[in-house]
Amino acid sequence: GTVQFPGEGIDVAPVICGGATVSPGDIVFGDAYGVLVGSAEAFETCLHDAENISAMEQQLMKGIKMGVCLHSMMNFAEHL
């Protein structure tokens, strides 16, 4: 069932859902590709990198739509 009012039942205990521990106050985000669970602090730590990855992906998609070779837009030599 559902808890109508905080304090009715156990509302301060972590639960395990799909193998992930979800604690009170955690953020749960899901889409067609999966689910992320974490504290606001954990997400804040990753936010800058996620924004950079998103910007890079948008640039790559723009280049692909313009007919630019994906290989020429990547930094493969740096990873060899």
PDB file of N, CA and C in Angstrom:
ATOM      1  N   GLY A   1       0.802  -1.176   0.000  1.00  0.00           N
ATOM      2  CA  GLY A   1       0.000   0.000   0.000  1.00  0.00           C
ATOM      3  C   GLY A   1       0.852   1.250   0.000  1.00  0.00           C
ATOM      4  N   THR A   2       0.215   2.361   0.167  1.00  0.00           N
ATOM      5  CA  THR A   2       0.912   3.641   0.209  1.00  0.00           C
ATOM      6  C   THR A   2       0.779   4.247   1.587  1.00  0.00           C
ATOM      7  N   VAL A   3       1.683   5.108   1.917  1.00  0.00           N
ATOM      8  CA  VAL A   3       1.648   5.818   3.186  1.00  0.00           C
ATOM      9  C   VAL A   3       1.065   7.191   2.921  1.00  0.00           C
ATOM     10  N   GLN A   4      -0.037   7.494   3.537  1.00  0.00           N
ATOM     11  CA  GLN A   4      -0.712   8.768   3.318  1.00  0.00           C
ATOM     12  C   GLN A   4       0.020   9.930   3.976  1.00  0.00           C
ATOM     13  N   PHE A   5       0.549   9.701   5.150  1.00  0.00           N
ATOM     14  CA  PHE A   5       1.195  10.765   5.903  1.00  0.00           C
ATOM     15  C   PHE A   5       2.543  10.270   6.410  1.00  0.00           C
ATOM     16  N   PRO A   6       3.604  11.090   6.317  1.00  0.00           N
ATOM     17  CA  PRO A   6       4.902  10.689   6.871  1.00  0.00           C
ATOM     18  C   PRO A   6       4.735  10.302   8.336  1.00  0.00           C
ATOM     19  N   GLY A   7       5.385   9.246   8.699  1.00  0.00           N
ATOM     20  CA  GLY A   7       5.278   8.778  10.073  1.00  0.00           C
ATOM     21  C   GLY A   7       4.360   7.585  10.206  1.00  0.00           C
ATOM     22  N   GLU A   8       3.515   7.341   9.201  1.00  0.00           N
ATOM     23  CA  GLU A   8       2.656   6.156   9.207  1.00  0.00           C
ATOM     24  C   GLU A   8       3.450   4.994   8.630  1.00  0.00           C
ATOM     25  N   GLY A   9       4.013   4.220   9.432  1.00  0.00           N
ATOM     26  CA  GLY A   9       4.799   3.111   8.920  1.00  0.00           C
ATOM     27  C   GLY A   9       6.263   3.492   8.852  1.00  0.00           C
ATOM     28  N   ILE A  10       7.008   2.694   8.139  1.00  0.00           N
ATOM     29  CA  ILE A  10       8.455   2.898   8.065  1.00  0.00           C
ATOM     30  C   ILE A  10       8.757   3.749   6.846  1.00  0.00           C
ATOM     31  N   ASP A  11       9.076   5.038   7.061  1.00  0.00           N
ATOM     32  CA  ASP A  11       9.360   5.897   5.929  1.00  0.00           C
ATOM     33  C   ASP A  11      10.774   6.466   5.990  1.00  0.00           C
ATOM     34  N   VAL A  12      11.578   5.939   6.868  1.00  0.00           N
ATOM     35  CA  VAL A  12      12.953   6.421   6.973  1.00  0.00           C
ATOM     36  C   VAL A  12      13.958   5.294   6.809  1.00  0.00           C
ATOM     37  N   ALA A  13      13.507   4.185   6.272  1.00  0.00           N
ATOM     38  CA  ALA A  13      14.397   3.040   6.099  1.00  0.00           C
ATOM     39  C   ALA A  13      14.735   2.873   4.623  1.00  0.00           C
ATOM     40  N   PRO A  14      15.983   2.528   4.335  1.00  0.00           N
ATOM     41  CA  PRO A  14      16.335   2.235   2.943  1.00  0.00           C
ATOM     42  C   PRO A  14      15.580   0.997   2.455  1.00  0.00           C
ATOM     43  N   VAL A  15      15.354   0.952   1.150  1.00  0.00           N
ATOM     44  CA  VAL A  15      14.759  -0.231   0.532  1.00  0.00           C
ATOM     45  C   VAL A  15      15.688  -0.694  -0.575  1.00  0.00           C
ATOM     46  N   ILE A  16      15.587  -1.945  -0.916  1.00  0.00           N
ATOM     47  CA  ILE A  16      16.377  -2.480  -2.024  1.00  0.00           C
ATOM     48  C   ILE A  16      15.410  -2.721  -3.172  1.00  0.00           C
ATOM     49  N   CYS A  17      15.715  -2.110  -4.309  1.00  0.00           N
ATOM     50  CA  CYS A  17      14.853  -2.203  -5.483  1.00  0.00           C
ATOM     51  C   CYS A  17      15.723  -2.549  -6.687  1.00  0.00           C
ATOM     52  N   GLY A  18      15.511  -3.696  -7.265  1.00  0.00           N
ATOM     53  CA  GLY A  18      16.295  -4.117  -8.420  1.00  0.00           C
ATOM     54  C   GLY A  18      17.780  -4.256  -8.098  1.00  0.00           C
ATOM     55  N   GLY A  19      18.092  -4.569  -6.853  1.00  0.00           N
ATOM     56  CA  GLY A  19      19.482  -4.731  -6.441  1.00  0.00           C
ATOM     57  C   GLY A  19      20.156  -3.446  -5.990  1.00  0.00           C
ATOM     58  N   ALA A  20      19.468  -2.314  -6.103  1.00  0.00           N
ATOM     59  CA  ALA A  20      20.028  -1.025  -5.684  1.00  0.00           C
ATOM     60  C   ALA A  20      19.388  -0.588  -4.379  1.00  0.00           C
ATOM     61  N   THR A  21      20.199  -0.091  -3.471  1.00  0.00           N
ATOM     62  CA  THR A  21      19.671   0.438  -2.225  1.00  0.00           C
ATOM     63  C   THR A  21      19.210   1.872  -2.445  1.00  0.00           C
ATOM     64  N   VAL A  22      17.959   2.135  -2.109  1.00  0.00           N
ATOM     65  CA  VAL A  22      17.376   3.470  -2.238  1.00  0.00           C
ATOM     66  C   VAL A  22      17.079   3.973  -0.833  1.00  0.00           C
ATOM     67  N   SER A  23      17.751   5.045  -0.462  1.00  0.00           N
ATOM     68  CA  SER A  23      17.580   5.622   0.871  1.00  0.00           C
ATOM     69  C   SER A  23      16.641   6.817   0.804  1.00  0.00           C
ATOM     70  N   PRO A  24      16.008   7.150   1.928  1.00  0.00           N
ATOM     71  CA  PRO A  24      15.147   8.340   1.935  1.00  0.00           C
ATOM     72  C   PRO A  24      15.925   9.569   1.454  1.00  0.00           C
ATOM     73  N   GLY A  25      15.316  10.344   0.589  1.00  0.00           N
ATOM     74  CA  GLY A  25      15.960  11.532   0.048  1.00  0.00           C
ATOM     75  C   GLY A  25      16.736  11.288  -1.234  1.00  0.00           C
ATOM     76  N   ASP A  26      16.956  10.035  -1.597  1.00  0.00           N
ATOM     77  CA  ASP A  26      17.671   9.728  -2.835  1.00  0.00           C
ATOM     78  C   ASP A  26      16.857  10.165  -4.049  1.00  0.00           C
ATOM     79  N   ILE A  27      17.571  10.413  -5.123  1.00  0.00           N
ATOM     80  CA  ILE A  27      16.945  10.734  -6.398  1.00  0.00           C
ATOM     81  C   ILE A  27      16.936   9.451  -7.228  1.00  0.00           C
ATOM     82  N   VAL A  28      15.791   9.144  -7.805  1.00  0.00           N
ATOM     83  CA  VAL A  28      15.660   7.981  -8.684  1.00  0.00           C
ATOM     84  C   VAL A  28      15.270   8.517 -10.055  1.00  0.00           C
ATOM     85  N   PHE A  29      16.117   8.237 -11.045  1.00  0.00           N
ATOM     86  CA  PHE A  29      15.890   8.724 -12.409  1.00  0.00           C
ATOM     87  C   PHE A  29      15.944   7.538 -13.348  1.00  0.00           C
ATOM     88  N   GLY A  30      14.937   7.419 -14.201  1.00  0.00           N
ATOM     89  CA  GLY A  30      14.934   6.308 -15.144  1.00  0.00           C
ATOM     90  C   GLY A  30      14.460   6.719 -16.519  1.00  0.00           C
ATOM     91  N   ASP A  31      14.944   6.002 -17.509  1.00  0.00           N
ATOM     92  CA  ASP A  31      14.475   6.182 -18.876  1.00  0.00           C
ATOM     93  C   ASP A  31      14.525   4.827 -19.568  1.00  0.00           C
ATOM     94  N   ALA A  32      14.418   4.819 -20.874  1.00  0.00           N
ATOM     95  CA  ALA A  32      14.371   3.566 -21.625  1.00  0.00           C
ATOM     96  C   ALA A  32      15.674   2.771 -21.522  1.00  0.00           C
ATOM     97  N   TYR A  33      16.760   3.419 -21.091  1.00  0.00           N
ATOM     98  CA  TYR A  33      18.064   2.770 -21.053  1.00  0.00           C
ATOM     99  C   TYR A  33      18.462   2.269 -19.674  1.00  0.00           C
ATOM    100  N   GLY A  34      17.719   2.636 -18.648  1.00  0.00           N
ATOM    101  CA  GLY A  34      18.060   2.167 -17.312  1.00  0.00           C
ATOM    102  C   GLY A  34      17.610   3.121 -16.230  1.00  0.00           C
ATOM    103  N   VAL A  35      18.064   2.847 -15.013  1.00  0.00           N
ATOM    104  CA  VAL A  35      17.679   3.621 -13.841  1.00  0.00           C
ATOM    105  C   VAL A  35      18.933   4.000 -13.065  1.00  0.00           C
ATOM    106  N   LEU A  36      18.974   5.250 -12.597  1.00  0.00           N
ATOM    107  CA  LEU A  36      20.052   5.729 -11.739  1.00  0.00           C
ATOM    108  C   LEU A  36      19.474   6.055 -10.376  1.00  0.00           C
ATOM    109  N   VAL A  37      20.214   5.707  -9.327  1.00  0.00           N
ATOM    110  CA  VAL A  37      19.798   6.010  -7.962  1.00  0.00           C
ATOM    111  C   VAL A  37      20.994   6.618  -7.250  1.00  0.00           C
ATOM    112  N   GLY A  38      20.758   7.720  -6.554  1.00  0.00           N
ATOM    113  CA  GLY A  38      21.845   8.308  -5.786  1.00  0.00           C
ATOM    114  C   GLY A  38      21.387   9.520  -5.008  1.00  0.00           C
ATOM    115  N   SER A  39      22.262   9.979  -4.148  1.00  0.00           N
ATOM    116  CA  SER A  39      21.966  11.176  -3.365  1.00  0.00           C
ATOM    117  C   SER A  39      22.163  12.406  -4.244  1.00  0.00           C
ATOM    118  N   ALA A  40      21.606  13.522  -3.813  1.00  0.00           N
ATOM    119  CA  ALA A  40      21.792  14.775  -4.542  1.00  0.00           C
ATOM    120  C   ALA A  40      23.274  15.103  -4.639  1.00  0.00           C
ATOM    121  N   GLU A  41      24.021  14.832  -3.590  1.00  0.00           N
ATOM    122  CA  GLU A  41      25.456  15.106  -3.589  1.00  0.00           C
ATOM    123  C   GLU A  41      26.185  14.260  -4.629  1.00  0.00           C
ATOM    124  N   ALA A  42      25.793  13.008  -4.766  1.00  0.00           N
ATOM    125  CA  ALA A  42      26.433  12.125  -5.752  1.00  0.00           C
ATOM    126  C   ALA A  42      26.149  12.613  -7.170  1.00  0.00           C
ATOM    127  N   PHE A  43      24.903  13.012  -7.428  1.00  0.00           N
ATOM    128  CA  PHE A  43      24.565  13.518  -8.754  1.00  0.00           C
ATOM    129  C   PHE A  43      25.273  14.838  -9.032  1.00  0.00           C
ATOM    130  N   GLU A  44      25.392  15.683  -8.015  1.00  0.00           N
ATOM    131  CA  GLU A  44      26.076  16.964  -8.200  1.00  0.00           C
ATOM    132  C   GLU A  44      27.536  16.753  -8.575  1.00  0.00           C
ATOM    133  N   THR A  45      28.155  15.738  -8.003  1.00  0.00           N
ATOM    134  CA  THR A  45      29.548  15.412  -8.310  1.00  0.00           C
ATOM    135  C   THR A  45      29.720  15.052  -9.781  1.00  0.00           C
ATOM    136  N   CYS A  46      28.733  14.398 -10.366  1.00  0.00           N
ATOM    137  CA  CYS A  46      28.811  13.919 -11.752  1.00  0.00           C
ATOM    138  C   CYS A  46      28.268  14.912 -12.776  1.00  0.00           C
ATOM    139  N   LEU A  47      27.572  15.941 -12.328  1.00  0.00           N
ATOM    140  CA  LEU A  47      26.842  16.820 -13.242  1.00  0.00           C
ATOM    141  C   LEU A  47      27.735  17.481 -14.285  1.00  0.00           C
ATOM    142  N   HIS A  48      28.866  18.024 -13.889  1.00  0.00           N
ATOM    143  CA  HIS A  48      29.752  18.712 -14.826  1.00  0.00           C
ATOM    144  C   HIS A  48      30.215  17.768 -15.937  1.00  0.00           C
ATOM    145  N   ASP A  49      30.653  16.568 -15.553  1.00  0.00           N
ATOM    146  CA  ASP A  49      31.104  15.597 -16.556  1.00  0.00           C
ATOM    147  C   ASP A  49      29.958  15.181 -17.476  1.00  0.00           C
ATOM    148  N   ALA A  50      28.765  14.991 -16.919  1.00  0.00           N
ATOM    149  CA  ALA A  50      27.614  14.598 -17.738  1.00  0.00           C
ATOM    150  C   ALA A  50      27.259  15.689 -18.748  1.00  0.00           C
ATOM    151  N   GLU A  51      27.342  16.941 -18.319  1.00  0.00           N
ATOM    152  CA  GLU A  51      27.061  18.048 -19.244  1.00  0.00           C
ATOM    153  C   GLU A  51      28.089  18.095 -20.369  1.00  0.00           C
ATOM    154  N   ASN A  52      29.365  17.848 -20.046  1.00  0.00           N
ATOM    155  CA  ASN A  52      30.412  17.819 -21.072  1.00  0.00           C
ATOM    156  C   ASN A  52      30.198  16.685 -22.060  1.00  0.00           C
ATOM    157  N   ILE A  53      29.820  15.516 -21.564  1.00  0.00           N
ATOM    158  CA  ILE A  53      29.557  14.370 -22.437  1.00  0.00           C
ATOM    159  C   ILE A  53      28.385  14.676 -23.362  1.00  0.00           C
ATOM    160  N   SER A  54      27.333  15.264 -22.820  1.00  0.00           N
ATOM    161  CA  SER A  54      26.169  15.605 -23.629  1.00  0.00           C
ATOM    162  C   SER A  54      26.528  16.605 -24.728  1.00  0.00           C
ATOM    163  N   ALA A  55      27.318  17.608 -24.377  1.00  0.00           N
ATOM    164  CA  ALA A  55      27.734  18.611 -25.376  1.00  0.00           C
ATOM    165  C   ALA A  55      28.570  17.962 -26.474  1.00  0.00           C
ATOM    166  N   MET A  56      29.472  17.062 -26.090  1.00  0.00           N
ATOM    167  CA  MET A  56      30.305  16.368 -27.070  1.00  0.00           C
ATOM    168  C   MET A  56      29.449  15.511 -28.001  1.00  0.00           C
ATOM    169  N   GLU A  57      28.477  14.797 -27.428  1.00  0.00           N
ATOM    170  CA  GLU A  57      27.591  13.967 -28.248  1.00  0.00           C
ATOM    171  C   GLU A  57      26.790  14.823 -29.223  1.00  0.00           C
ATOM    172  N   GLN A  58      26.332  15.982 -28.787  1.00  0.00           N
ATOM    173  CA  GLN A  58      25.581  16.870 -29.675  1.00  0.00           C
ATOM    174  C   GLN A  58      26.454  17.346 -30.824  1.00  0.00           C
ATOM    175  N   GLN A  59      27.718  17.655 -30.546  1.00  0.00           N
ATOM    176  CA  GLN A  59      28.646  18.085 -31.606  1.00  0.00           C
ATOM    177  C   GLN A  59      28.888  16.949 -32.600  1.00  0.00           C
ATOM    178  N   LEU A  60      29.053  15.736 -32.080  1.00  0.00           N
ATOM    179  CA  LEU A  60      29.262  14.578 -32.958  1.00  0.00           C
ATOM    180  C   LEU A  60      28.050  14.356 -33.857  1.00  0.00           C
ATOM    181  N   MET A  61      26.849  14.435 -33.280  1.00  0.00           N
ATOM    182  CA  MET A  61      25.635  14.233 -34.079  1.00  0.00           C
ATOM    183  C   MET A  61      25.505  15.319 -35.136  1.00  0.00           C
ATOM    184  N   LYS A  62      25.847  16.540 -34.787  1.00  0.00           N
ATOM    185  CA  LYS A  62      25.801  17.636 -35.761  1.00  0.00           C
ATOM    186  C   LYS A  62      26.762  17.353 -36.919  1.00  0.00           C
ATOM    187  N   GLY A  63      27.978  16.913 -36.593  1.00  0.00           N
ATOM    188  CA  GLY A  63      28.959  16.581 -37.628  1.00  0.00           C
ATOM    189  C   GLY A  63      28.503  15.443 -38.517  1.00  0.00           C
ATOM    190  N   ILE A  64      27.940  14.401 -37.919  1.00  0.00           N
ATOM    191  CA  ILE A  64      27.460  13.257 -38.691  1.00  0.00           C
ATOM    192  C   ILE A  64      26.370  13.694 -39.660  1.00  0.00           C
ATOM    193  N   LYS A  65      25.447  14.542 -39.187  1.00  0.00           N
ATOM    194  CA  LYS A  65      24.370  15.027 -40.050  1.00  0.00           C
ATOM    195  C   LYS A  65      24.909  15.859 -41.206  1.00  0.00           C
ATOM    196  N   MET A  66      26.066  16.492 -40.996  1.00  0.00           N
ATOM    197  CA  MET A  66      26.685  17.298 -42.047  1.00  0.00           C
ATOM    198  C   MET A  66      27.567  16.455 -42.963  1.00  0.00           C
ATOM    199  N   GLY A  67      27.678  15.147 -42.666  1.00  0.00           N
ATOM    200  CA  GLY A  67      28.449  14.251 -43.509  1.00  0.00           C
ATOM    201  C   GLY A  67      29.906  14.112 -43.126  1.00  0.00           C
ATOM    202  N   VAL A  68      30.293  14.618 -41.958  1.00  0.00           N
ATOM    203  CA  VAL A  68      31.675  14.501 -41.502  1.00  0.00           C
ATOM    204  C   VAL A  68      31.911  13.079 -41.010  1.00  0.00           C
ATOM    205  N   CYS A  69      33.051  12.509 -41.356  1.00  0.00           N
ATOM    206  CA  CYS A  69      33.415  11.151 -40.931  1.00  0.00           C
ATOM    207  C   CYS A  69      33.588  11.118 -39.406  1.00  0.00           C
ATOM    208  N   LEU A  70      32.940  10.165 -38.770  1.00  0.00           N
ATOM    209  CA  LEU A  70      33.026  10.033 -37.316  1.00  0.00           C
ATOM    210  C   LEU A  70      34.469   9.882 -36.857  1.00  0.00           C
ATOM    211  N   HIS A  71      35.250   9.095 -37.558  1.00  0.00           N
ATOM    212  CA  HIS A  71      36.646   8.868 -37.176  1.00  0.00           C
ATOM    213  C   HIS A  71      37.429  10.177 -37.119  1.00  0.00           C
ATOM    214  N   SER A  72      37.159  11.071 -38.058  1.00  0.00           N
ATOM    215  CA  SER A  72      37.899  12.333 -38.083  1.00  0.00           C
ATOM    216  C   SER A  72      37.514  13.253 -36.923  1.00  0.00           C
ATOM    217  N   MET A  73      36.370  13.006 -36.297  1.00  0.00           N
ATOM    218  CA  MET A  73      35.933  13.836 -35.171  1.00  0.00           C
ATOM    219  C   MET A  73      36.367  13.273 -33.815  1.00  0.00           C
ATOM    220  N   MET A  74      36.930  12.092 -33.818  1.00  0.00           N
ATOM    221  CA  MET A  74      37.303  11.432 -32.566  1.00  0.00           C
ATOM    222  C   MET A  74      38.788  11.603 -32.292  1.00  0.00           C
ATOM    223  N   ASN A  75      39.185  11.298 -31.078  1.00  0.00           N
ATOM    224  CA  ASN A  75      40.599  11.418 -30.679  1.00  0.00           C
ATOM    225  C   ASN A  75      41.211  10.023 -30.479  1.00  0.00           C
ATOM    226  N   PHE A  76      41.063   9.171 -31.463  1.00  0.00           N
ATOM    227  CA  PHE A  76      41.555   7.802 -31.357  1.00  0.00           C
ATOM    228  C   PHE A  76      43.052   7.735 -31.059  1.00  0.00           C
ATOM    229  N   ALA A  77      43.835   8.596 -31.672  1.00  0.00           N
ATOM    230  CA  ALA A  77      45.301   8.562 -31.496  1.00  0.00           C
ATOM    231  C   ALA A  77      45.686   8.760 -30.032  1.00  0.00           C
ATOM    232  N   GLU A  78      44.900   9.512 -29.286  1.00  0.00           N
ATOM    233  CA  GLU A  78      45.206   9.738 -27.872  1.00  0.00           C
ATOM    234  C   GLU A  78      45.021   8.488 -27.030  1.00  0.00           C
ATOM    235  N   HIS A  79      44.304   7.515 -27.541  1.00  0.00           N
ATOM    236  CA  HIS A  79      43.983   6.322 -26.761  1.00  0.00           C
ATOM    237  C   HIS A  79      44.736   5.074 -27.217  1.00  0.00           C
ATOM    238  N   LEU A  80      45.667   5.248 -28.136  1.00  0.00           N
ATOM    239  CA  LEU A  80      46.444   4.095 -28.611  1.00  0.00           C
ATOM    240  C   LEU A  80      47.668   3.891 -27.776  1.00  0.00           C
TER     241      LEU A  80
END
